Amino acid sequence: MLLTTTFAGCAILPGDRPAPPAPRLPNECKALGKPVPLPAPRKADLGVLAAENRAAAATANGRIVARDRCEDKQRDALESGGT
């Protein structure tokens, strides 16, 4: 009886069809955005530590940009119908 009521309610109530699932981008771009280890804290010249931290930040920024470009290319290919 409950199943019949459920089906009857679905047939009577108006509603939109569910949206199709969004396409998923391949995971190959995620590898480009892997974390960059920061230099271990230690007693050293502050100039050396600052330079090491700047280098790590620059590496991380480069990886983020590379990942974003990769994802943009995948989106463009998906929009144009390619794979």
PDB file of N, CA and C in Angstrom:
ATOM      1  N   MET A   1       0.823  -1.185   0.000  1.00  0.00           N
ATOM      2  CA  MET A   1       0.000   0.000   0.000  1.00  0.00           C
ATOM      3  C   MET A   1       0.878   1.265   0.000  1.00  0.00           C
ATOM      4  N   LEU A   2       1.920   1.248   0.813  1.00  0.00           N
ATOM      5  CA  LEU A   2       2.806   2.409   0.888  1.00  0.00           C
ATOM      6  C   LEU A   2       3.496   2.662  -0.447  1.00  0.00           C
ATOM      7  N   LEU A   3       3.929   1.592  -1.114  1.00  0.00           N
ATOM      8  CA  LEU A   3       4.592   1.729  -2.409  1.00  0.00           C
ATOM      9  C   LEU A   3       3.649   2.327  -3.442  1.00  0.00           C
ATOM     10  N   THR A   4       2.403   1.903  -3.434  1.00  0.00           N
ATOM     11  CA  THR A   4       1.414   2.436  -4.368  1.00  0.00           C
ATOM     12  C   THR A   4       1.192   3.920  -4.108  1.00  0.00           C
ATOM     13  N   THR A   5       1.113   4.307  -2.852  1.00  0.00           N
ATOM     14  CA  THR A   5       0.927   5.715  -2.510  1.00  0.00           C
ATOM     15  C   THR A   5       2.113   6.548  -2.982  1.00  0.00           C
ATOM     16  N   THR A   6       3.310   6.013  -2.835  1.00  0.00           N
ATOM     17  CA  THR A   6       4.510   6.723  -3.273  1.00  0.00           C
ATOM     18  C   THR A   6       4.493   6.937  -4.776  1.00  0.00           C
ATOM     19  N   PHE A   7       4.197   5.895  -5.528  1.00  0.00           N
ATOM     20  CA  PHE A   7       4.153   6.023  -6.983  1.00  0.00           C
ATOM     21  C   PHE A   7       3.047   6.967  -7.417  1.00  0.00           C
ATOM     22  N   ALA A   8       1.916   6.905  -6.762  1.00  0.00           N
ATOM     23  CA  ALA A   8       0.805   7.787  -7.119  1.00  0.00           C
ATOM     24  C   ALA A   8       1.181   9.241  -6.850  1.00  0.00           C
ATOM     25  N   GLY A   9       1.854   9.497  -5.739  1.00  0.00           N
ATOM     26  CA  GLY A   9       2.276  10.850  -5.421  1.00  0.00           C
ATOM     27  C   GLY A   9       3.270  11.385  -6.437  1.00  0.00           C
ATOM     28  N   CYS A  10       4.173  10.539  -6.907  1.00  0.00           N
ATOM     29  CA  CYS A  10       5.148  10.973  -7.909  1.00  0.00           C
ATOM     30  C   CYS A  10       4.479  11.282  -9.231  1.00  0.00           C
ATOM     31  N   ALA A  11       3.457  10.532  -9.558  1.00  0.00           N
ATOM     32  CA  ALA A  11       2.770  10.749 -10.827  1.00  0.00           C
ATOM     33  C   ALA A  11       1.914  12.002 -10.792  1.00  0.00           C
ATOM     34  N   ILE A  12       1.422  12.366  -9.626  1.00  0.00           N
ATOM     35  CA  ILE A  12       0.515  13.508  -9.516  1.00  0.00           C
ATOM     36  C   ILE A  12       1.283  14.818  -9.329  1.00  0.00           C
ATOM     37  N   LEU A  13       2.324  14.788  -8.519  1.00  0.00           N
ATOM     38  CA  LEU A  13       3.044  16.009  -8.210  1.00  0.00           C
ATOM     39  C   LEU A  13       3.934  16.425  -9.380  1.00  0.00           C
ATOM     40  N   PRO A  14       3.828  17.691  -9.783  1.00  0.00           N
ATOM     41  CA  PRO A  14       4.713  18.141 -10.852  1.00  0.00           C
ATOM     42  C   PRO A  14       6.137  18.300 -10.326  1.00  0.00           C
ATOM     43  N   GLY A  15       7.050  18.185 -11.200  1.00  0.00           N
ATOM     44  CA  GLY A  15       8.434  18.348 -10.783  1.00  0.00           C
ATOM     45  C   GLY A  15       9.354  18.308 -11.974  1.00  0.00           C
ATOM     46  N   ASP A  16      10.509  18.867 -11.785  1.00  0.00           N
ATOM     47  CA  ASP A  16      11.509  18.845 -12.850  1.00  0.00           C
ATOM     48  C   ASP A  16      12.283  17.543 -12.791  1.00  0.00           C
ATOM     49  N   ARG A  17      12.780  17.178 -13.927  1.00  0.00           N
ATOM     50  CA  ARG A  17      13.650  16.012 -13.954  1.00  0.00           C
ATOM     51  C   ARG A  17      14.966  16.381 -13.303  1.00  0.00           C
ATOM     52  N   PRO A  18      15.588  15.437 -12.646  1.00  0.00           N
ATOM     53  CA  PRO A  18      16.887  15.768 -12.048  1.00  0.00           C
ATOM     54  C   PRO A  18      17.905  16.099 -13.140  1.00  0.00           C
ATOM     55  N   ALA A  19      18.782  17.012 -12.817  1.00  0.00           N
ATOM     56  CA  ALA A  19      19.816  17.414 -13.771  1.00  0.00           C
ATOM     57  C   ALA A  19      20.776  16.255 -14.003  1.00  0.00           C
ATOM     58  N   PRO A  20      21.283  16.132 -15.213  1.00  0.00           N
ATOM     59  CA  PRO A  20      22.269  15.074 -15.459  1.00  0.00           C
ATOM     60  C   PRO A  20      23.530  15.344 -14.637  1.00  0.00           C
ATOM     61  N   PRO A  21      24.246  14.306 -14.296  1.00  0.00           N
ATOM     62  CA  PRO A  21      25.454  14.522 -13.493  1.00  0.00           C
ATOM     63  C   PRO A  21      26.475  15.365 -14.253  1.00  0.00           C
ATOM     64  N   ALA A  22      27.159  16.200 -13.524  1.00  0.00           N
ATOM     65  CA  ALA A  22      28.182  17.054 -14.126  1.00  0.00           C
ATOM     66  C   ALA A  22      29.368  16.198 -14.558  1.00  0.00           C
ATOM     67  N   PRO A  23      29.962  16.517 -15.700  1.00  0.00           N
ATOM     68  CA  PRO A  23      31.140  15.750 -16.117  1.00  0.00           C
ATOM     69  C   PRO A  23      32.285  15.957 -15.143  1.00  0.00           C
ATOM     70  N   ARG A  24      33.068  14.937 -14.959  1.00  0.00           N
ATOM     71  CA  ARG A  24      34.203  15.023 -14.042  1.00  0.00           C
ATOM     72  C   ARG A  24      35.494  15.155 -14.836  1.00  0.00           C
ATOM     73  N   LEU A  25      36.363  16.002 -14.335  1.00  0.00           N
ATOM     74  CA  LEU A  25      37.669  16.160 -14.959  1.00  0.00           C
ATOM     75  C   LEU A  25      38.576  15.030 -14.490  1.00  0.00           C
ATOM     76  N   PRO A  26      39.439  14.545 -15.361  1.00  0.00           N
ATOM     77  CA  PRO A  26      40.390  13.514 -14.934  1.00  0.00           C
ATOM     78  C   PRO A  26      41.274  14.033 -13.794  1.00  0.00           C
ATOM     79  N   ASN A  27      41.828  13.120 -13.042  1.00  0.00           N
ATOM     80  CA  ASN A  27      42.634  13.479 -11.872  1.00  0.00           C
ATOM     81  C   ASN A  27      44.099  13.767 -12.183  1.00  0.00           C
ATOM     82  N   GLU A  28      44.489  13.709 -13.445  1.00  0.00           N
ATOM     83  CA  GLU A  28      45.915  13.856 -13.745  1.00  0.00           C
ATOM     84  C   GLU A  28      46.457  15.241 -13.385  1.00  0.00           C
ATOM     85  N   CYS A  29      45.614  16.254 -13.315  1.00  0.00           N
ATOM     86  CA  CYS A  29      46.096  17.596 -12.959  1.00  0.00           C
ATOM     87  C   CYS A  29      46.353  17.733 -11.457  1.00  0.00           C
ATOM     88  N   LYS A  30      45.708  16.904 -10.652  1.00  0.00           N
ATOM     89  CA  LYS A  30      45.904  17.003  -9.208  1.00  0.00           C
ATOM     90  C   LYS A  30      47.349  16.735  -8.811  1.00  0.00           C
ATOM     91  N   ALA A  31      48.019  15.879  -9.542  1.00  0.00           N
ATOM     92  CA  ALA A  31      49.415  15.555  -9.215  1.00  0.00           C
ATOM     93  C   ALA A  31      50.316  16.775  -9.367  1.00  0.00           C
ATOM     94  N   LEU A  32      49.925  17.704 -10.235  1.00  0.00           N
ATOM     95  CA  LEU A  32      50.742  18.906 -10.433  1.00  0.00           C
ATOM     96  C   LEU A  32      50.678  19.843  -9.228  1.00  0.00           C
ATOM     97  N   GLY A  33      49.616  19.746  -8.451  1.00  0.00           N
ATOM     98  CA  GLY A  33      49.440  20.643  -7.313  1.00  0.00           C
ATOM     99  C   GLY A  33      49.835  20.034  -5.991  1.00  0.00           C
ATOM    100  N   LYS A  34      50.750  19.087  -6.020  1.00  0.00           N
ATOM    101  CA  LYS A  34      51.132  18.426  -4.763  1.00  0.00           C
ATOM    102  C   LYS A  34      51.816  19.411  -3.818  1.00  0.00           C
ATOM    103  N   PRO A  35      51.692  19.164  -2.528  1.00  0.00           N
ATOM    104  CA  PRO A  35      52.264  20.091  -1.545  1.00  0.00           C
ATOM    105  C   PRO A  35      53.786  20.196  -1.639  1.00  0.00           C
ATOM    106  N   VAL A  36      54.276  21.342  -1.257  1.00  0.00           N
ATOM    107  CA  VAL A  36      55.719  21.598  -1.218  1.00  0.00           C
ATOM    108  C   VAL A  36      56.132  21.627   0.250  1.00  0.00           C
ATOM    109  N   PRO A  37      57.098  20.814   0.648  1.00  0.00           N
ATOM    110  CA  PRO A  37      57.522  20.853   2.048  1.00  0.00           C
ATOM    111  C   PRO A  37      58.258  22.160   2.351  1.00  0.00           C
ATOM    112  N   LEU A  38      57.935  22.722   3.490  1.00  0.00           N
ATOM    113  CA  LEU A  38      58.646  23.920   3.936  1.00  0.00           C
ATOM    114  C   LEU A  38      59.960  23.499   4.583  1.00  0.00           C
ATOM    115  N   PRO A  39      60.945  24.346   4.513  1.00  0.00           N
ATOM    116  CA  PRO A  39      62.210  24.022   5.178  1.00  0.00           C
ATOM    117  C   PRO A  39      61.994  23.836   6.681  1.00  0.00           C
ATOM    118  N   ALA A  40      62.676  22.885   7.251  1.00  0.00           N
ATOM    119  CA  ALA A  40      62.552  22.613   8.681  1.00  0.00           C
ATOM    120  C   ALA A  40      63.118  23.775   9.486  1.00  0.00           C
ATOM    121  N   PRO A  41      62.412  24.138  10.553  1.00  0.00           N
ATOM    122  CA  PRO A  41      62.954  25.217  11.377  1.00  0.00           C
ATOM    123  C   PRO A  41      64.267  24.798  12.051  1.00  0.00           C
ATOM    124  N   ARG A  42      65.216  25.685  12.025  1.00  0.00           N
ATOM    125  CA  ARG A  42      66.501  25.386  12.644  1.00  0.00           C
ATOM    126  C   ARG A  42      67.203  26.705  12.919  1.00  0.00           C
ATOM    127  N   LYS A  43      68.242  26.620  13.677  1.00  0.00           N
ATOM    128  CA  LYS A  43      69.024  27.832  13.961  1.00  0.00           C
ATOM    129  C   LYS A  43      69.977  28.054  12.788  1.00  0.00           C
ATOM    130  N   ALA A  44      69.703  29.118  12.075  1.00  0.00           N
ATOM    131  CA  ALA A  44      70.557  29.468  10.942  1.00  0.00           C
ATOM    132  C   ALA A  44      70.410  30.963  10.701  1.00  0.00           C
ATOM    133  N   ASP A  45      71.166  31.446   9.784  1.00  0.00           N
ATOM    134  CA  ASP A  45      71.087  32.843   9.397  1.00  0.00           C
ATOM    135  C   ASP A  45      69.675  33.137   8.891  1.00  0.00           C
ATOM    136  N   LEU A  46      69.085  34.234   9.372  1.00  0.00           N
ATOM    137  CA  LEU A  46      67.713  34.563   8.958  1.00  0.00           C
ATOM    138  C   LEU A  46      67.611  34.806   7.456  1.00  0.00           C
ATOM    139  N   GLY A  47      68.646  35.332   6.859  1.00  0.00           N
ATOM    140  CA  GLY A  47      68.642  35.540   5.413  1.00  0.00           C
ATOM    141  C   GLY A  47      68.552  34.229   4.659  1.00  0.00           C
ATOM    142  N   VAL A  48      69.263  33.210   5.141  1.00  0.00           N
ATOM    143  CA  VAL A  48      69.225  31.884   4.509  1.00  0.00           C
ATOM    144  C   VAL A  48      67.838  31.279   4.661  1.00  0.00           C
ATOM    145  N   LEU A  49      67.261  31.370   5.870  1.00  0.00           N
ATOM    146  CA  LEU A  49      65.925  30.816   6.106  1.00  0.00           C
ATOM    147  C   LEU A  49      64.876  31.524   5.247  1.00  0.00           C
ATOM    148  N   ALA A  50      64.999  32.842   5.143  1.00  0.00           N
ATOM    149  CA  ALA A  50      64.050  33.597   4.321  1.00  0.00           C
ATOM    150  C   ALA A  50      64.152  33.184   2.856  1.00  0.00           C
ATOM    151  N   ALA A  51      65.371  33.003   2.377  1.00  0.00           N
ATOM    152  CA  ALA A  51      65.562  32.591   0.980  1.00  0.00           C
ATOM    153  C   ALA A  51      64.995  31.199   0.736  1.00  0.00           C
ATOM    154  N   GLU A  52      65.187  30.287   1.690  1.00  0.00           N
ATOM    155  CA  GLU A  52      64.629  28.934   1.546  1.00  0.00           C
ATOM    156  C   GLU A  52      63.099  28.966   1.531  1.00  0.00           C
ATOM    157  N   ASN A  53      62.517  29.799   2.401  1.00  0.00           N
ATOM    158  CA  ASN A  53      61.051  29.912   2.419  1.00  0.00           C
ATOM    159  C   ASN A  53      60.522  30.556   1.144  1.00  0.00           C
ATOM    160  N   ARG A  54      61.231  31.558   0.629  1.00  0.00           N
ATOM    161  CA  ARG A  54      60.815  32.174  -0.645  1.00  0.00           C
ATOM    162  C   ARG A  54      60.876  31.156  -1.777  1.00  0.00           C
ATOM    163  N   ALA A  55      61.913  30.345  -1.787  1.00  0.00           N
ATOM    164  CA  ALA A  55      62.048  29.333  -2.840  1.00  0.00           C
ATOM    165  C   ALA A  55      60.924  28.302  -2.744  1.00  0.00           C
ATOM    166  N   ALA A  56      60.579  27.883  -1.527  1.00  0.00           N
ATOM    167  CA  ALA A  56      59.489  26.918  -1.355  1.00  0.00           C
ATOM    168  C   ALA A  56      58.160  27.522  -1.796  1.00  0.00           C
ATOM    169  N   ALA A  57      57.934  28.795  -1.453  1.00  0.00           N
ATOM    170  CA  ALA A  57      56.695  29.464  -1.860  1.00  0.00           C
ATOM    171  C   ALA A  57      56.631  29.616  -3.376  1.00  0.00           C
ATOM    172  N   ALA A  58      57.743  29.945  -4.005  1.00  0.00           N
ATOM    173  CA  ALA A  58      57.770  30.076  -5.468  1.00  0.00           C
ATOM    174  C   ALA A  58      57.495  28.731  -6.139  1.00  0.00           C
ATOM    175  N   THR A  59      58.043  27.659  -5.592  1.00  0.00           N
ATOM    176  CA  THR A  59      57.779  26.320  -6.128  1.00  0.00           C
ATOM    177  C   THR A  59      56.303  25.977  -5.991  1.00  0.00           C
ATOM    178  N   ALA A  60      55.727  26.265  -4.823  1.00  0.00           N
ATOM    179  CA  ALA A  60      54.312  25.981  -4.600  1.00  0.00           C
ATOM    180  C   ALA A  60      53.439  26.788  -5.564  1.00  0.00           C
ATOM    181  N   ASN A  61      53.762  28.070  -5.741  1.00  0.00           N
ATOM    182  CA  ASN A  61      52.993  28.901  -6.668  1.00  0.00           C
ATOM    183  C   ASN A  61      53.088  28.373  -8.095  1.00  0.00           C
ATOM    184  N   GLY A  62      54.268  27.945  -8.491  1.00  0.00           N
ATOM    185  CA  GLY A  62      54.442  27.381  -9.834  1.00  0.00           C
ATOM    186  C   GLY A  62      53.611  26.129 -10.032  1.00  0.00           C
ATOM    187  N   ARG A  63      53.547  25.300  -9.012  1.00  0.00           N
ATOM    188  CA  ARG A  63      52.738  24.077  -9.112  1.00  0.00           C
ATOM    189  C   ARG A  63      51.258  24.404  -9.195  1.00  0.00           C
ATOM    190  N   ILE A  64      50.814  25.395  -8.442  1.00  0.00           N
ATOM    191  CA  ILE A  64      49.403  25.793  -8.484  1.00  0.00           C
ATOM    192  C   ILE A  64      49.044  26.320  -9.867  1.00  0.00           C
ATOM    193  N   VAL A  65      49.903  27.151 -10.428  1.00  0.00           N
ATOM    194  CA  VAL A  65      49.658  27.698 -11.769  1.00  0.00           C
ATOM    195  C   VAL A  65      49.625  26.573 -12.804  1.00  0.00           C
ATOM    196  N   ALA A  66      50.552  25.627 -12.709  1.00  0.00           N
ATOM    197  CA  ALA A  66      50.582  24.504 -13.654  1.00  0.00           C
ATOM    198  C   ALA A  66      49.313  23.666 -13.543  1.00  0.00           C
ATOM    199  N   ARG A  67      48.853  23.427 -12.320  1.00  0.00           N
ATOM    200  CA  ARG A  67      47.619  22.661 -12.131  1.00  0.00           C
ATOM    201  C   ARG A  67      46.427  23.403 -12.724  1.00  0.00           C
ATOM    202  N   ASP A  68      46.348  24.712 -12.477  1.00  0.00           N
ATOM    203  CA  ASP A  68      45.236  25.495 -13.010  1.00  0.00           C
ATOM    204  C   ASP A  68      45.232  25.506 -14.535  1.00  0.00           C
ATOM    205  N   ARG A  69      46.407  25.625 -15.137  1.00  0.00           N
ATOM    206  CA  ARG A  69      46.486  25.600 -16.607  1.00  0.00           C
ATOM    207  C   ARG A  69      46.054  24.248 -17.154  1.00  0.00           C
ATOM    208  N   CYS A  70      46.464  23.180 -16.484  1.00  0.00           N
ATOM    209  CA  CYS A  70      46.082  21.831 -16.902  1.00  0.00           C
ATOM    210  C   CYS A  70      44.558  21.671 -16.841  1.00  0.00           C
ATOM    211  N   GLU A  71      43.959  22.141 -15.741  1.00  0.00           N
ATOM    212  CA  GLU A  71      42.504  22.038 -15.609  1.00  0.00           C
ATOM    213  C   GLU A  71      41.789  22.895 -16.642  1.00  0.00           C
ATOM    214  N   ASP A  72      42.331  24.074 -16.954  1.00  0.00           N
ATOM    215  CA  ASP A  72      41.730  24.917 -17.993  1.00  0.00           C
ATOM    216  C   ASP A  72      41.744  24.214 -19.344  1.00  0.00           C
ATOM    217  N   LYS A  73      42.861  23.550 -19.662  1.00  0.00           N
ATOM    218  CA  LYS A  73      42.949  22.815 -20.929  1.00  0.00           C
ATOM    219  C   LYS A  73      41.931  21.680 -20.964  1.00  0.00           C
ATOM    220  N   GLN A  74      41.754  20.991 -19.841  1.00  0.00           N
ATOM    221  CA  GLN A  74      40.780  19.900 -19.794  1.00  0.00           C
ATOM    222  C   GLN A  74      39.365  20.441 -19.970  1.00  0.00           C
ATOM    223  N   ARG A  75      39.068  21.571 -19.330  1.00  0.00           N
ATOM    224  CA  ARG A  75      37.732  22.166 -19.481  1.00  0.00           C
ATOM    225  C   ARG A  75      37.485  22.595 -20.929  1.00  0.00           C
ATOM    226  N   ASP A  76      38.487  23.215 -21.544  1.00  0.00           N
ATOM    227  CA  ASP A  76      38.340  23.632 -22.937  1.00  0.00           C
ATOM    228  C   ASP A  76      38.092  22.437 -23.846  1.00  0.00           C
ATOM    229  N   ALA A  77      38.824  21.356 -23.609  1.00  0.00           N
ATOM    230  CA  ALA A  77      38.639  20.150 -24.423  1.00  0.00           C
ATOM    231  C   ALA A  77      37.248  19.569 -24.199  1.00  0.00           C
ATOM    232  N   LEU A  78      36.770  19.608 -22.972  1.00  0.00           N
ATOM    233  CA  LEU A  78      35.450  19.068 -22.670  1.00  0.00           C
ATOM    234  C   LEU A  78      34.364  19.920 -23.306  1.00  0.00           C
ATOM    235  N   GLU A  79      34.526  21.240 -23.272  1.00  0.00           N
ATOM    236  CA  GLU A  79      33.546  22.134 -23.881  1.00  0.00           C
ATOM    237  C   GLU A  79      33.496  21.982 -25.393  1.00  0.00           C
ATOM    238  N   SER A  80      34.639  21.697 -26.009  1.00  0.00           N
ATOM    239  CA  SER A  80      34.668  21.558 -27.469  1.00  0.00           C
ATOM    240  C   SER A  80      34.279  20.154 -27.921  1.00  0.00           C
ATOM    241  N   GLY A  81      33.972  19.287 -26.962  1.00  0.00           N
ATOM    242  CA  GLY A  81      33.533  17.948 -27.315  1.00  0.00           C
ATOM    243  C   GLY A  81      34.632  16.917 -27.341  1.00  0.00           C
ATOM    244  N   GLY A  82      35.853  17.333 -27.101  1.00  0.00           N
ATOM    245  CA  GLY A  82      36.965  16.386 -27.092  1.00  0.00           C
ATOM    246  C   GLY A  82      37.099  15.698 -25.753  1.00  0.00           C
ATOM    247  N   THR A  83      38.101  14.867 -25.626  1.00  0.00           N
ATOM    248  CA  THR A  83      38.337  14.190 -24.352  1.00  0.00           C
ATOM    249  C   THR A  83      39.708  14.522 -23.829  1.00  0.00           C
TER     250      THR A  83
END
